[in-house]
Amino acid sequence: MASGSDGRSLYRTYCAVFHGKQGEGDGPLAEHLRFRPPDLTTFAKRGGGKYDALKMYRIIDGREPVKGHGGPDMPVWGDAFKRTAEGYSEEKVKARINGLVEYLKDIQVK
């Protein structure tokens, strides 16, 4: 299973360009999207103070639509992670997404 620190690296590599270095939706390419990326640091706050790890996992994975989760601007990471140089492994996909989920949990504002 990927750790939160692995999730940090994955975040910086794949997400920060849109969601920003701190996850606040202000990445350098954010303005080029149809919809501004959300502030990922307030996911728990917007969820009534609860960080819903399963929902975050499903949003990142993207292979199963999540009601209320924007349009198709965000890549389907579940599929993208399958195509990495390491080769396909559903277990590796899950580990990468879980690492991102853990990292995003760590950056939630209190």
PDB file of N, CA and C in Angstrom:
ATOM      1  N   MET A   1       0.846  -1.193   0.000  1.00  0.00           N
ATOM      2  CA  MET A   1       0.000   0.000   0.000  1.00  0.00           C
ATOM      3  C   MET A   1       0.883   1.245   0.000  1.00  0.00           C
ATOM      4  N   ALA A   2       0.536   2.222  -0.778  1.00  0.00           N
ATOM      5  CA  ALA A   2       1.306   3.463  -0.852  1.00  0.00           C
ATOM      6  C   ALA A   2       1.105   4.261   0.425  1.00  0.00           C
ATOM      7  N   SER A   3       2.125   4.939   0.832  1.00  0.00           N
ATOM      8  CA  SER A   3       2.026   5.773   2.026  1.00  0.00           C
ATOM      9  C   SER A   3       1.629   7.187   1.634  1.00  0.00           C
ATOM     10  N   GLY A   4       1.327   7.983   2.664  1.00  0.00           N
ATOM     11  CA  GLY A   4       0.992   9.375   2.412  1.00  0.00           C
ATOM     12  C   GLY A   4       2.131  10.126   1.741  1.00  0.00           C
ATOM     13  N   SER A   5       3.391   9.741   2.067  1.00  0.00           N
ATOM     14  CA  SER A   5       4.522  10.420   1.432  1.00  0.00           C
ATOM     15  C   SER A   5       4.592  10.058  -0.045  1.00  0.00           C
ATOM     16  N   ASP A   6       4.273   8.805  -0.397  1.00  0.00           N
ATOM     17  CA  ASP A   6       4.179   8.437  -1.806  1.00  0.00           C
ATOM     18  C   ASP A   6       3.057   9.243  -2.456  1.00  0.00           C
ATOM     19  N   GLY A   7       1.982   9.419  -1.725  1.00  0.00           N
ATOM     20  CA  GLY A   7       0.858  10.207  -2.218  1.00  0.00           C
ATOM     21  C   GLY A   7       1.263  11.640  -2.493  1.00  0.00           C
ATOM     22  N   ARG A   8       2.135  12.178  -1.665  1.00  0.00           N
ATOM     23  CA  ARG A   8       2.629  13.545  -1.871  1.00  0.00           C
ATOM     24  C   ARG A   8       3.373  13.635  -3.202  1.00  0.00           C
ATOM     25  N   SER A   9       4.223  12.669  -3.477  1.00  0.00           N
ATOM     26  CA  SER A   9       4.957  12.650  -4.751  1.00  0.00           C
ATOM     27  C   SER A   9       4.004  12.512  -5.928  1.00  0.00           C
ATOM     28  N   LEU A  10       3.045  11.621  -5.801  1.00  0.00           N
ATOM     29  CA  LEU A  10       2.055  11.447  -6.869  1.00  0.00           C
ATOM     30  C   LEU A  10       1.269  12.733  -7.078  1.00  0.00           C
ATOM     31  N   TYR A  11       0.887  13.373  -5.962  1.00  0.00           N
ATOM     32  CA  TYR A  11       0.146  14.632  -6.054  1.00  0.00           C
ATOM     33  C   TYR A  11       0.960  15.680  -6.809  1.00  0.00           C
ATOM     34  N   ARG A  12       2.210  15.829  -6.427  1.00  0.00           N
ATOM     35  CA  ARG A  12       3.065  16.835  -7.075  1.00  0.00           C
ATOM     36  C   ARG A  12       3.243  16.536  -8.560  1.00  0.00           C
ATOM     37  N   THR A  13       3.330  15.261  -8.903  1.00  0.00           N
ATOM     38  CA  THR A  13       3.539  14.861 -10.296  1.00  0.00           C
ATOM     39  C   THR A  13       2.288  15.018 -11.143  1.00  0.00           C
ATOM     40  N   TYR A  14       1.150  14.597 -10.633  1.00  0.00           N
ATOM     41  CA  TYR A  14      -0.056  14.516 -11.449  1.00  0.00           C
ATOM     42  C   TYR A  14      -1.122  15.573 -11.171  1.00  0.00           C
ATOM     43  N   CYS A  15      -1.144  16.137  -9.986  1.00  0.00           N
ATOM     44  CA  CYS A  15      -2.283  16.975  -9.584  1.00  0.00           C
ATOM     45  C   CYS A  15      -1.960  18.457  -9.382  1.00  0.00           C
ATOM     46  N   ALA A  16      -0.767  18.753  -8.909  1.00  0.00           N
ATOM     47  CA  ALA A  16      -0.434  20.124  -8.510  1.00  0.00           C
ATOM     48  C   ALA A  16      -0.541  21.124  -9.645  1.00  0.00           C
ATOM     49  N   VAL A  17      -0.295  20.701 -10.860  1.00  0.00           N
ATOM     50  CA  VAL A  17      -0.353  21.619 -11.996  1.00  0.00           C
ATOM     51  C   VAL A  17      -1.766  22.222 -12.150  1.00  0.00           C
ATOM     52  N   PHE A  18      -2.773  21.504 -11.693  1.00  0.00           N
ATOM     53  CA  PHE A  18      -4.142  22.013 -11.749  1.00  0.00           C
ATOM     54  C   PHE A  18      -4.647  22.451 -10.378  1.00  0.00           C
ATOM     55  N   HIS A  19      -4.438  21.620  -9.366  1.00  0.00           N
ATOM     56  CA  HIS A  19      -4.976  21.901  -8.030  1.00  0.00           C
ATOM     57  C   HIS A  19      -4.069  22.785  -7.190  1.00  0.00           C
ATOM     58  N   GLY A  20      -2.857  23.066  -7.659  1.00  0.00           N
ATOM     59  CA  GLY A  20      -1.939  23.929  -6.934  1.00  0.00           C
ATOM     60  C   GLY A  20      -1.045  23.167  -5.979  1.00  0.00           C
ATOM     61  N   LYS A  21       0.097  23.763  -5.646  1.00  0.00           N
ATOM     62  CA  LYS A  21       1.077  23.122  -4.764  1.00  0.00           C
ATOM     63  C   LYS A  21       0.483  22.763  -3.410  1.00  0.00           C
ATOM     64  N   GLN A  22      -0.397  23.611  -2.903  1.00  0.00           N
ATOM     65  CA  GLN A  22      -0.995  23.382  -1.588  1.00  0.00           C
ATOM     66  C   GLN A  22      -2.390  22.756  -1.681  1.00  0.00           C
ATOM     67  N   GLY A  23      -2.862  22.481  -2.903  1.00  0.00           N
ATOM     68  CA  GLY A  23      -4.166  21.853  -3.078  1.00  0.00           C
ATOM     69  C   GLY A  23      -5.343  22.808  -3.071  1.00  0.00           C
ATOM     70  N   GLU A  24      -5.071  24.094  -3.251  1.00  0.00           N
ATOM     71  CA  GLU A  24      -6.119  25.105  -3.125  1.00  0.00           C
ATOM     72  C   GLU A  24      -6.807  25.464  -4.442  1.00  0.00           C
ATOM     73  N   GLY A  25      -6.582  24.673  -5.485  1.00  0.00           N
ATOM     74  CA  GLY A  25      -7.262  24.905  -6.760  1.00  0.00           C
ATOM     75  C   GLY A  25      -6.654  26.003  -7.606  1.00  0.00           C
ATOM     76  N   ASP A  26      -5.404  26.350  -7.324  1.00  0.00           N
ATOM     77  CA  ASP A  26      -4.783  27.493  -7.993  1.00  0.00           C
ATOM     78  C   ASP A  26      -3.510  27.118  -8.762  1.00  0.00           C
ATOM     79  N   GLY A  27      -3.497  25.941  -9.350  1.00  0.00           N
ATOM     80  CA  GLY A  27      -2.325  25.515 -10.110  1.00  0.00           C
ATOM     81  C   GLY A  27      -2.115  26.365 -11.352  1.00  0.00           C
ATOM     82  N   PRO A  28      -0.926  26.331 -11.924  1.00  0.00           N
ATOM     83  CA  PRO A  28      -0.614  27.177 -13.077  1.00  0.00           C
ATOM     84  C   PRO A  28      -1.461  26.901 -14.315  1.00  0.00           C
ATOM     85  N   LEU A  29      -2.048  25.726 -14.439  1.00  0.00           N
ATOM     86  CA  LEU A  29      -2.906  25.439 -15.595  1.00  0.00           C
ATOM     87  C   LEU A  29      -4.396  25.466 -15.265  1.00  0.00           C
ATOM     88  N   ALA A  30      -4.739  25.818 -14.037  1.00  0.00           N
ATOM     89  CA  ALA A  30      -6.142  25.826 -13.602  1.00  0.00           C
ATOM     90  C   ALA A  30      -7.013  26.722 -14.473  1.00  0.00           C
ATOM     91  N   GLU A  31      -6.486  27.858 -14.873  1.00  0.00           N
ATOM     92  CA  GLU A  31      -7.289  28.810 -15.649  1.00  0.00           C
ATOM     93  C   GLU A  31      -7.619  28.309 -17.055  1.00  0.00           C
ATOM     94  N   HIS A  32      -6.955  27.269 -17.495  1.00  0.00           N
ATOM     95  CA  HIS A  32      -7.190  26.745 -18.838  1.00  0.00           C
ATOM     96  C   HIS A  32      -8.282  25.672 -18.885  1.00  0.00           C
ATOM     97  N   LEU A  33      -8.840  25.340 -17.728  1.00  0.00           N
ATOM     98  CA  LEU A  33      -9.903  24.341 -17.663  1.00  0.00           C
ATOM     99  C   LEU A  33     -11.264  25.015 -17.773  1.00  0.00           C
ATOM    100  N   ARG A  34     -12.257  24.261 -18.192  1.00  0.00           N
ATOM    101  CA  ARG A  34     -13.620  24.811 -18.253  1.00  0.00           C
ATOM    102  C   ARG A  34     -14.113  25.198 -16.865  1.00  0.00           C
ATOM    103  N   PHE A  35     -13.805  24.361 -15.879  1.00  0.00           N
ATOM    104  CA  PHE A  35     -14.224  24.621 -14.502  1.00  0.00           C
ATOM    105  C   PHE A  35     -12.981  24.680 -13.637  1.00  0.00           C
ATOM    106  N   ARG A  36     -12.944  25.644 -12.748  1.00  0.00           N
ATOM    107  CA  ARG A  36     -11.801  25.785 -11.851  1.00  0.00           C
ATOM    108  C   ARG A  36     -11.725  24.558 -10.940  1.00  0.00           C
ATOM    109  N   PRO A  37     -10.539  23.993 -10.765  1.00  0.00           N
ATOM    110  CA  PRO A  37     -10.400  22.839  -9.870  1.00  0.00           C
ATOM    111  C   PRO A  37     -10.771  23.230  -8.440  1.00  0.00           C
ATOM    112  N   PRO A  38     -11.359  22.312  -7.705  1.00  0.00           N
ATOM    113  CA  PRO A  38     -11.757  22.644  -6.330  1.00  0.00           C
ATOM    114  C   PRO A  38     -10.558  22.759  -5.399  1.00  0.00           C
ATOM    115  N   ASP A  39     -10.783  23.436  -4.303  1.00  0.00           N
ATOM    116  CA  ASP A  39      -9.812  23.516  -3.221  1.00  0.00           C
ATOM    117  C   ASP A  39      -9.872  22.180  -2.489  1.00  0.00           C
ATOM    118  N   LEU A  40      -8.857  21.357  -2.646  1.00  0.00           N
ATOM    119  CA  LEU A  40      -8.853  20.021  -2.052  1.00  0.00           C
ATOM    120  C   LEU A  40      -8.605  20.035  -0.557  1.00  0.00           C
ATOM    121  N   THR A  41      -8.185  21.180  -0.020  1.00  0.00           N
ATOM    122  CA  THR A  41      -7.925  21.266   1.418  1.00  0.00           C
ATOM    123  C   THR A  41      -9.216  21.431   2.217  1.00  0.00           C
ATOM    124  N   THR A  42     -10.322  21.705   1.524  1.00  0.00           N
ATOM    125  CA  THR A  42     -11.593  21.919   2.215  1.00  0.00           C
ATOM    126  C   THR A  42     -12.601  20.800   1.958  1.00  0.00           C
ATOM    127  N   PHE A  43     -12.125  19.666   1.481  1.00  0.00           N
ATOM    128  CA  PHE A  43     -13.021  18.541   1.183  1.00  0.00           C
ATOM    129  C   PHE A  43     -13.775  18.115   2.448  1.00  0.00           C
ATOM    130  N   ALA A  44     -13.081  17.979   3.565  1.00  0.00           N
ATOM    131  CA  ALA A  44     -13.734  17.580   4.819  1.00  0.00           C
ATOM    132  C   ALA A  44     -14.679  18.673   5.311  1.00  0.00           C
ATOM    133  N   LYS A  45     -14.233  19.910   5.223  1.00  0.00           N
ATOM    134  CA  LYS A  45     -15.067  21.040   5.669  1.00  0.00           C
ATOM    135  C   LYS A  45     -16.377  21.067   4.893  1.00  0.00           C
ATOM    136  N   ARG A  46     -16.283  20.873   3.575  1.00  0.00           N
ATOM    137  CA  ARG A  46     -17.493  20.853   2.740  1.00  0.00           C
ATOM    138  C   ARG A  46     -18.338  19.620   2.999  1.00  0.00           C
ATOM    139  N   GLY A  47     -17.744  18.597   3.606  1.00  0.00           N
ATOM    140  CA  GLY A  47     -18.456  17.363   3.940  1.00  0.00           C
ATOM    141  C   GLY A  47     -18.933  17.343   5.383  1.00  0.00           C
ATOM    142  N   GLY A  48     -19.154  18.512   5.952  1.00  0.00           N
ATOM    143  CA  GLY A  48     -19.653  18.585   7.319  1.00  0.00           C
ATOM    144  C   GLY A  48     -18.626  18.200   8.366  1.00  0.00           C
ATOM    145  N   GLY A  49     -17.340  18.368   8.040  1.00  0.00           N
ATOM    146  CA  GLY A  49     -16.282  18.061   8.989  1.00  0.00           C
ATOM    147  C   GLY A  49     -15.761  16.637   8.898  1.00  0.00           C
ATOM    148  N   LYS A  50     -16.300  15.860   7.970  1.00  0.00           N
ATOM    149  CA  LYS A  50     -15.882  14.461   7.815  1.00  0.00           C
ATOM    150  C   LYS A  50     -15.149  14.288   6.487  1.00  0.00           C
ATOM    151  N   TYR A  51     -13.969  13.705   6.550  1.00  0.00           N
ATOM    152  CA  TYR A  51     -13.215  13.386   5.338  1.00  0.00           C
ATOM    153  C   TYR A  51     -13.694  12.029   4.853  1.00  0.00           C
ATOM    154  N   ASP A  52     -14.382  12.019   3.736  1.00  0.00           N
ATOM    155  CA  ASP A  52     -14.928  10.783   3.172  1.00  0.00           C
ATOM    156  C   ASP A  52     -13.889  10.167   2.234  1.00  0.00           C
ATOM    157  N   ALA A  53     -13.046   9.296   2.783  1.00  0.00           N
ATOM    158  CA  ALA A  53     -11.955   8.682   2.025  1.00  0.00           C
ATOM    159  C   ALA A  53     -12.475   7.853   0.856  1.00  0.00           C
ATOM    160  N   LEU A  54     -13.582   7.156   1.048  1.00  0.00           N
ATOM    161  CA  LEU A  54     -14.133   6.333  -0.036  1.00  0.00           C
ATOM    162  C   LEU A  54     -14.588   7.204  -1.207  1.00  0.00           C
ATOM    163  N   LYS A  55     -15.259   8.296  -0.897  1.00  0.00           N
ATOM    164  CA  LYS A  55     -15.695   9.203  -1.962  1.00  0.00           C
ATOM    165  C   LYS A  55     -14.494   9.805  -2.682  1.00  0.00           C
ATOM    166  N   MET A  56     -13.479  10.214  -1.916  1.00  0.00           N
ATOM    167  CA  MET A  56     -12.279  10.778  -2.528  1.00  0.00           C
ATOM    168  C   MET A  56     -11.610   9.732  -3.423  1.00  0.00           C
ATOM    169  N   TYR A  57     -11.551   8.495  -2.962  1.00  0.00           N
ATOM    170  CA  TYR A  57     -10.967   7.418  -3.761  1.00  0.00           C
ATOM    171  C   TYR A  57     -11.718   7.286  -5.089  1.00  0.00           C
ATOM    172  N   ARG A  58     -13.044   7.265  -5.020  1.00  0.00           N
ATOM    173  CA  ARG A  58     -13.861   7.105  -6.225  1.00  0.00           C
ATOM    174  C   ARG A  58     -13.692   8.288  -7.176  1.00  0.00           C
ATOM    175  N   ILE A  59     -13.563   9.484  -6.648  1.00  0.00           N
ATOM    176  CA  ILE A  59     -13.358  10.672  -7.487  1.00  0.00           C
ATOM    177  C   ILE A  59     -12.023  10.571  -8.211  1.00  0.00           C
ATOM    178  N   ILE A  60     -10.973  10.217  -7.481  1.00  0.00           N
ATOM    179  CA  ILE A  60      -9.648  10.116  -8.094  1.00  0.00           C
ATOM    180  C   ILE A  60      -9.626   8.979  -9.106  1.00  0.00           C
ATOM    181  N   ASP A  61     -10.140   7.837  -8.730  1.00  0.00           N
ATOM    182  CA  ASP A  61     -10.145   6.676  -9.621  1.00  0.00           C
ATOM    183  C   ASP A  61     -10.862   7.017 -10.927  1.00  0.00           C
ATOM    184  N   GLY A  62     -12.055   7.580 -10.825  1.00  0.00           N
ATOM    185  CA  GLY A  62     -12.779   8.086 -11.986  1.00  0.00           C
ATOM    186  C   GLY A  62     -13.436   7.053 -12.880  1.00  0.00           C
ATOM    187  N   ARG A  63     -13.243   5.776 -12.598  1.00  0.00           N
ATOM    188  CA  ARG A  63     -13.833   4.748 -13.463  1.00  0.00           C
ATOM    189  C   ARG A  63     -15.297   4.517 -13.165  1.00  0.00           C
ATOM    190  N   GLU A  64     -15.751   5.012 -12.013  1.00  0.00           N
ATOM    191  CA  GLU A  64     -17.159   4.922 -11.639  1.00  0.00           C
ATOM    192  C   GLU A  64     -17.621   6.338 -11.308  1.00  0.00           C
ATOM    193  N   PRO A  65     -18.552   6.889 -12.083  1.00  0.00           N
ATOM    194  CA  PRO A  65     -18.972   8.277 -11.849  1.00  0.00           C
ATOM    195  C   PRO A  65     -19.462   8.516 -10.420  1.00  0.00           C
ATOM    196  N   VAL A  66     -19.128   9.684  -9.889  1.00  0.00           N
ATOM    197  CA  VAL A  66     -19.552  10.087  -8.554  1.00  0.00           C
ATOM    198  C   VAL A  66     -20.528  11.241  -8.717  1.00  0.00           C
ATOM    199  N   LYS A  67     -21.740  11.060  -8.239  1.00  0.00           N
ATOM    200  CA  LYS A  67     -22.771  12.084  -8.354  1.00  0.00           C
ATOM    201  C   LYS A  67     -22.271  13.405  -7.754  1.00  0.00           C
ATOM    202  N   GLY A  68     -22.464  14.470  -8.520  1.00  0.00           N
ATOM    203  CA  GLY A  68     -22.079  15.792  -8.047  1.00  0.00           C
ATOM    204  C   GLY A  68     -20.621  16.129  -8.274  1.00  0.00           C
ATOM    205  N   HIS A  69     -19.875  15.230  -8.903  1.00  0.00           N
ATOM    206  CA  HIS A  69     -18.464  15.520  -9.165  1.00  0.00           C
ATOM    207  C   HIS A  69     -18.290  16.003 -10.588  1.00  0.00           C
ATOM    208  N   GLY A  70     -18.304  17.277 -10.776  1.00  0.00           N
ATOM    209  CA  GLY A  70     -18.002  17.965 -12.025  1.00  0.00           C
ATOM    210  C   GLY A  70     -18.007  17.192 -13.325  1.00  0.00           C
ATOM    211  N   GLY A  71     -17.293  17.737 -14.294  1.00  0.00           N
ATOM    212  CA  GLY A  71     -17.272  17.194 -15.637  1.00  0.00           C
ATOM    213  C   GLY A  71     -16.044  16.364 -15.932  1.00  0.00           C
ATOM    214  N   PRO A  72     -15.781  16.194 -17.210  1.00  0.00           N
ATOM    215  CA  PRO A  72     -14.713  15.292 -17.646  1.00  0.00           C
ATOM    216  C   PRO A  72     -13.320  15.912 -17.701  1.00  0.00           C
ATOM    217  N   ASP A  73     -13.117  17.069 -17.094  1.00  0.00           N
ATOM    218  CA  ASP A  73     -11.803  17.694 -17.139  1.00  0.00           C
ATOM    219  C   ASP A  73     -10.737  16.876 -16.398  1.00  0.00           C
ATOM    220  N   MET A  74     -11.125  16.205 -15.316  1.00  0.00           N
ATOM    221  CA  MET A  74     -10.157  15.441 -14.545  1.00  0.00           C
ATOM    222  C   MET A  74      -9.926  14.085 -15.207  1.00  0.00           C
ATOM    223  N   PRO A  75      -8.676  13.712 -15.359  1.00  0.00           N
ATOM    224  CA  PRO A  75      -8.384  12.406 -15.964  1.00  0.00           C
ATOM    225  C   PRO A  75      -8.945  11.257 -15.135  1.00  0.00           C
ATOM    226  N   VAL A  76      -9.155  10.154 -15.766  1.00  0.00           N
ATOM    227  CA  VAL A  76      -9.575   8.926 -15.095  1.00  0.00           C
ATOM    228  C   VAL A  76      -8.280   8.250 -14.629  1.00  0.00           C
ATOM    229  N   TRP A  77      -7.884   8.549 -13.396  1.00  0.00           N
ATOM    230  CA  TRP A  77      -6.590   8.080 -12.907  1.00  0.00           C
ATOM    231  C   TRP A  77      -6.537   6.575 -12.760  1.00  0.00           C
ATOM    232  N   GLY A  78      -7.663   5.940 -12.504  1.00  0.00           N
ATOM    233  CA  GLY A  78      -7.663   4.488 -12.423  1.00  0.00           C
ATOM    234  C   GLY A  78      -7.145   3.864 -13.702  1.00  0.00           C
ATOM    235  N   ASP A  79      -7.540   4.413 -14.834  1.00  0.00           N
ATOM    236  CA  ASP A  79      -7.057   3.925 -16.126  1.00  0.00           C
ATOM    237  C   ASP A  79      -5.637   4.419 -16.406  1.00  0.00           C
ATOM    238  N   ALA A  80      -5.361   5.677 -16.109  1.00  0.00           N
ATOM    239  CA  ALA A  80      -4.037   6.239 -16.385  1.00  0.00           C
ATOM    240  C   ALA A  80      -2.954   5.506 -15.601  1.00  0.00           C
ATOM    241  N   PHE A  81      -3.213   5.178 -14.345  1.00  0.00           N
ATOM    242  CA  PHE A  81      -2.218   4.493 -13.539  1.00  0.00           C
ATOM    243  C   PHE A  81      -1.985   3.062 -14.021  1.00  0.00           C
ATOM    244  N   LYS A  82      -2.932   2.504 -14.741  1.00  0.00           N
ATOM    245  CA  LYS A  82      -2.737   1.163 -15.306  1.00  0.00           C
ATOM    246  C   LYS A  82      -1.714   1.196 -16.426  1.00  0.00           C
ATOM    247  N   ARG A  83      -1.547   2.326 -17.070  1.00  0.00           N
ATOM    248  CA  ARG A  83      -0.685   2.445 -18.237  1.00  0.00           C
ATOM    249  C   ARG A  83       0.721   2.933 -17.898  1.00  0.00           C
ATOM    250  N   THR A  84       1.101   2.871 -16.654  1.00  0.00           N
ATOM    251  CA  THR A  84       2.426   3.357 -16.268  1.00  0.00           C
ATOM    252  C   THR A  84       3.520   2.413 -16.753  1.00  0.00           C
ATOM    253  N   ALA A  85       4.742   2.869 -16.692  1.00  0.00           N
ATOM    254  CA  ALA A  85       5.891   2.068 -17.125  1.00  0.00           C
ATOM    255  C   ALA A  85       6.042   0.797 -16.291  1.00  0.00           C
ATOM    256  N   GLU A  86       5.465   0.804 -15.089  1.00  0.00           N
ATOM    257  CA  GLU A  86       5.537  -0.376 -14.227  1.00  0.00           C
ATOM    258  C   GLU A  86       4.635  -1.502 -14.722  1.00  0.00           C
ATOM    259  N   GLY A  87       3.765  -1.198 -15.664  1.00  0.00           N
ATOM    260  CA  GLY A  87       2.847  -2.208 -16.171  1.00  0.00           C
ATOM    261  C   GLY A  87       1.555  -2.243 -15.382  1.00  0.00           C
ATOM    262  N   TYR A  88       0.610  -2.990 -15.917  1.00  0.00           N
ATOM    263  CA  TYR A  88      -0.710  -3.058 -15.307  1.00  0.00           C
ATOM    264  C   TYR A  88      -0.716  -3.918 -14.062  1.00  0.00           C
ATOM    265  N   SER A  89      -1.334  -3.422 -13.053  1.00  0.00           N
ATOM    266  CA  SER A  89      -1.618  -4.178 -11.848  1.00  0.00           C
ATOM    267  C   SER A  89      -2.694  -3.406 -11.102  1.00  0.00           C
ATOM    268  N   GLU A  90      -3.840  -4.011 -10.942  1.00  0.00           N
ATOM    269  CA  GLU A  90      -4.923  -3.334 -10.218  1.00  0.00           C
ATOM    270  C   GLU A  90      -4.468  -3.024  -8.794  1.00  0.00           C
ATOM    271  N   GLU A  91      -3.631  -3.876  -8.234  1.00  0.00           N
ATOM    272  CA  GLU A  91      -3.118  -3.646  -6.887  1.00  0.00           C
ATOM    273  C   GLU A  91      -2.261  -2.373  -6.834  1.00  0.00           C
ATOM    274  N   LYS A  92      -1.444  -2.159  -7.844  1.00  0.00           N
ATOM    275  CA  LYS A  92      -0.619  -0.946  -7.910  1.00  0.00           C
ATOM    276  C   LYS A  92      -1.489   0.292  -8.097  1.00  0.00           C
ATOM    277  N   VAL A  93      -2.530   0.170  -8.909  1.00  0.00           N
ATOM    278  CA  VAL A  93      -3.469   1.282  -9.101  1.00  0.00           C
ATOM    279  C   VAL A  93      -4.090   1.654  -7.757  1.00  0.00           C
ATOM    280  N   LYS A  94      -4.587   0.668  -7.041  1.00  0.00           N
ATOM    281  CA  LYS A  94      -5.211   0.911  -5.731  1.00  0.00           C
ATOM    282  C   LYS A  94      -4.219   1.553  -4.766  1.00  0.00           C
ATOM    283  N   ALA A  95      -2.983   1.072  -4.767  1.00  0.00           N
ATOM    284  CA  ALA A  95      -1.973   1.623  -3.860  1.00  0.00           C
ATOM    285  C   ALA A  95      -1.693   3.087  -4.175  1.00  0.00           C
ATOM    286  N   ARG A  96      -1.596   3.418  -5.445  1.00  0.00           N
ATOM    287  CA  ARG A  96      -1.332   4.810  -5.831  1.00  0.00           C
ATOM    288  C   ARG A  96      -2.501   5.710  -5.419  1.00  0.00           C
ATOM    289  N   ILE A  97      -3.712   5.277  -5.717  1.00  0.00           N
ATOM    290  CA  ILE A  97      -4.878   6.091  -5.367  1.00  0.00           C
ATOM    291  C   ILE A  97      -4.998   6.210  -3.856  1.00  0.00           C
ATOM    292  N   ASN A  98      -4.772   5.119  -3.119  1.00  0.00           N
ATOM    293  CA  ASN A  98      -4.822   5.188  -1.658  1.00  0.00           C
ATOM    294  C   ASN A  98      -3.763   6.145  -1.114  1.00  0.00           C
ATOM    295  N   GLY A  99      -2.594   6.179  -1.737  1.00  0.00           N
ATOM    296  CA  GLY A  99      -1.573   7.135  -1.326  1.00  0.00           C
ATOM    297  C   GLY A  99      -2.032   8.569  -1.495  1.00  0.00           C
ATOM    298  N   LEU A 100      -2.682   8.843  -2.619  1.00  0.00           N
ATOM    299  CA  LEU A 100      -3.239  10.185  -2.853  1.00  0.00           C
ATOM    300  C   LEU A 100      -4.321  10.506  -1.833  1.00  0.00           C
ATOM    301  N   VAL A 101      -5.196   9.554  -1.571  1.00  0.00           N
ATOM    302  CA  VAL A 101      -6.278   9.757  -0.593  1.00  0.00           C
ATOM    303  C   VAL A 101      -5.700  10.086   0.781  1.00  0.00           C
ATOM    304  N   GLU A 102      -4.672   9.343   1.192  1.00  0.00           N
ATOM    305  CA  GLU A 102      -4.031   9.599   2.489  1.00  0.00           C
ATOM    306  C   GLU A 102      -3.387  10.981   2.521  1.00  0.00           C
ATOM    307  N   TYR A 103      -2.700  11.333   1.443  1.00  0.00           N
ATOM    308  CA  TYR A 103      -2.063  12.648   1.393  1.00  0.00           C
ATOM    309  C   TYR A 103      -3.108  13.763   1.475  1.00  0.00           C
ATOM    310  N   LEU A 104      -4.186  13.629   0.738  1.00  0.00           N
ATOM    311  CA  LEU A 104      -5.226  14.658   0.756  1.00  0.00           C
ATOM    312  C   LEU A 104      -5.885  14.758   2.129  1.00  0.00           C
ATOM    313  N   LYS A 105      -5.987  13.656   2.813  1.00  0.00           N
ATOM    314  CA  LYS A 105      -6.518  13.694   4.182  1.00  0.00           C
ATOM    315  C   LYS A 105      -5.592  14.528   5.069  1.00  0.00           C
ATOM    316  N   ASP A 106      -4.290  14.378   4.860  1.00  0.00           N
ATOM    317  CA  ASP A 106      -3.312  15.114   5.670  1.00  0.00           C
ATOM    318  C   ASP A 106      -3.333  16.618   5.445  1.00  0.00           C
ATOM    319  N   ILE A 107      -3.800  17.078   4.276  1.00  0.00           N
ATOM    320  CA  ILE A 107      -3.768  18.528   3.993  1.00  0.00           C
ATOM    321  C   ILE A 107      -5.109  19.226   4.252  1.00  0.00           C
ATOM    322  N   GLN A 108      -6.051  18.527   4.870  1.00  0.00           N
ATOM    323  CA  GLN A 108      -7.344  19.153   5.168  1.00  0.00           C
ATOM    324  C   GLN A 108      -7.198  20.254   6.202  1.00  0.00           C
ATOM    325  N   VAL A 109      -7.870  21.383   5.965  1.00  0.00           N
ATOM    326  CA  VAL A 109      -7.868  22.471   6.946  1.00  0.00           C
ATOM    327  C   VAL A 109      -8.765  22.067   8.111  1.00  0.00           C
ATOM    328  N   LYS A 110      -8.371  22.482   9.255  1.00  0.00           N
ATOM    329  CA  LYS A 110      -9.143  22.139  10.469  1.00  0.00           C
ATOM    330  C   LYS A 110     -10.155  23.197  10.772  1.00  0.00           C
TER     331      LYS A 110
END
